[in-house]
């Protein structure tokens, strides 16, 4: 797999010689605090098993060991969730409609999010974009694509706002979940199928002549936060990611951190368990039951991001205590020689607000516009 390594021009205290260095420095000063764990949780690894140990307990001692460990995590989770079909790197895109919005060209497009699953979304091209493969881009995922482009909801128009800032964006939605090949006989846990769909959507962006394929991020809120997290962790062509209050670890004290539901990781056939927290009368099902029994948690997936940067835009579900899980990915990055790759912001409520959105937009502006990216 291609591993995209994002190196900020300022996190090592060195000035970039690029023309954008002053802007980059300003942006870094604004977002740098987000990469610092709260003092209360600094260095606190909680009860999570270290990603720097193989499943058999052997420690990771070298960078070669880490690559082997990374593949072990990736292979294990794919085997458990269901192996993806090949990602379609050249998806057929049907352009259904074109309109202008505040200087932004908005295309209504159709593509297959998975084989046999056509999907309609909105592709936004910012003013002045040229066919020179220079523009950064962001994939926005949610229940439906209208929210991302500002046609529905409030403070969730990530695609529109990022397009106004010069990003090519693609707003994609899917109602509740994706069952592949169908709900009756799904071969992949639905949340992983959504991640696979995002990988296909990635290539809709990557194949646009305006887009730099090495500078594509992903963002989503709530359900979309889960979707964006799994997609970016499992598909390393995403250069960076922001996950808005999706619940970044398993937590059966929070009804909305509901990975146990059959439309996420609890699929066990077409007859769904009763919705709600796992109880004796309404037990865990599917893969989620197995993951809990074996002691797995989502910090293993977070580690797959290293050294790619990500931001947790935390609200009611992702509180500062989640630094305990994030500290493990900080440790992986540090082992690889990187700092300032894991960020979290916090707000009181689940819903995004103008401040939390501005923090996400600044994150993408720094990492996708002003930070050099090189491929290893």
Foldseek 3Di string as FASTA:
>chain_A
DWFWFFDFCPPVPHFDPDPCRVVLVVLCVVQVVQQDADPVCVVFQDPADFLQAAPVGHGNDDVVSNVVSLVNLLVVVCVQFFPADDQDLDWDKDFDDWDADPQKIKTWIWTALHVVRIFIKIKIAAHPQDLAQPAAEEEEEDAARCQCCPNDDPPNVLCNVLSPVGHTYIRTHHHLWDAVPDQQDGRGQGLLSLLSSVSNVLSVQVPRSRHNQQRYAYEYAASRLSSRLSNCLNDNSHLEYERAANAQKDDLVDFSVCCQWSRHAFPDGNDTFDRTRADPVGHGHHSVVVCVVSRHMRLSSVLSCPPRAYEYAHECRDDSVCVSSVVSSQVSNVSVPDGSRYGYDYDHHRDDDPVSSVSVSSVSCNRRPPIDMDID
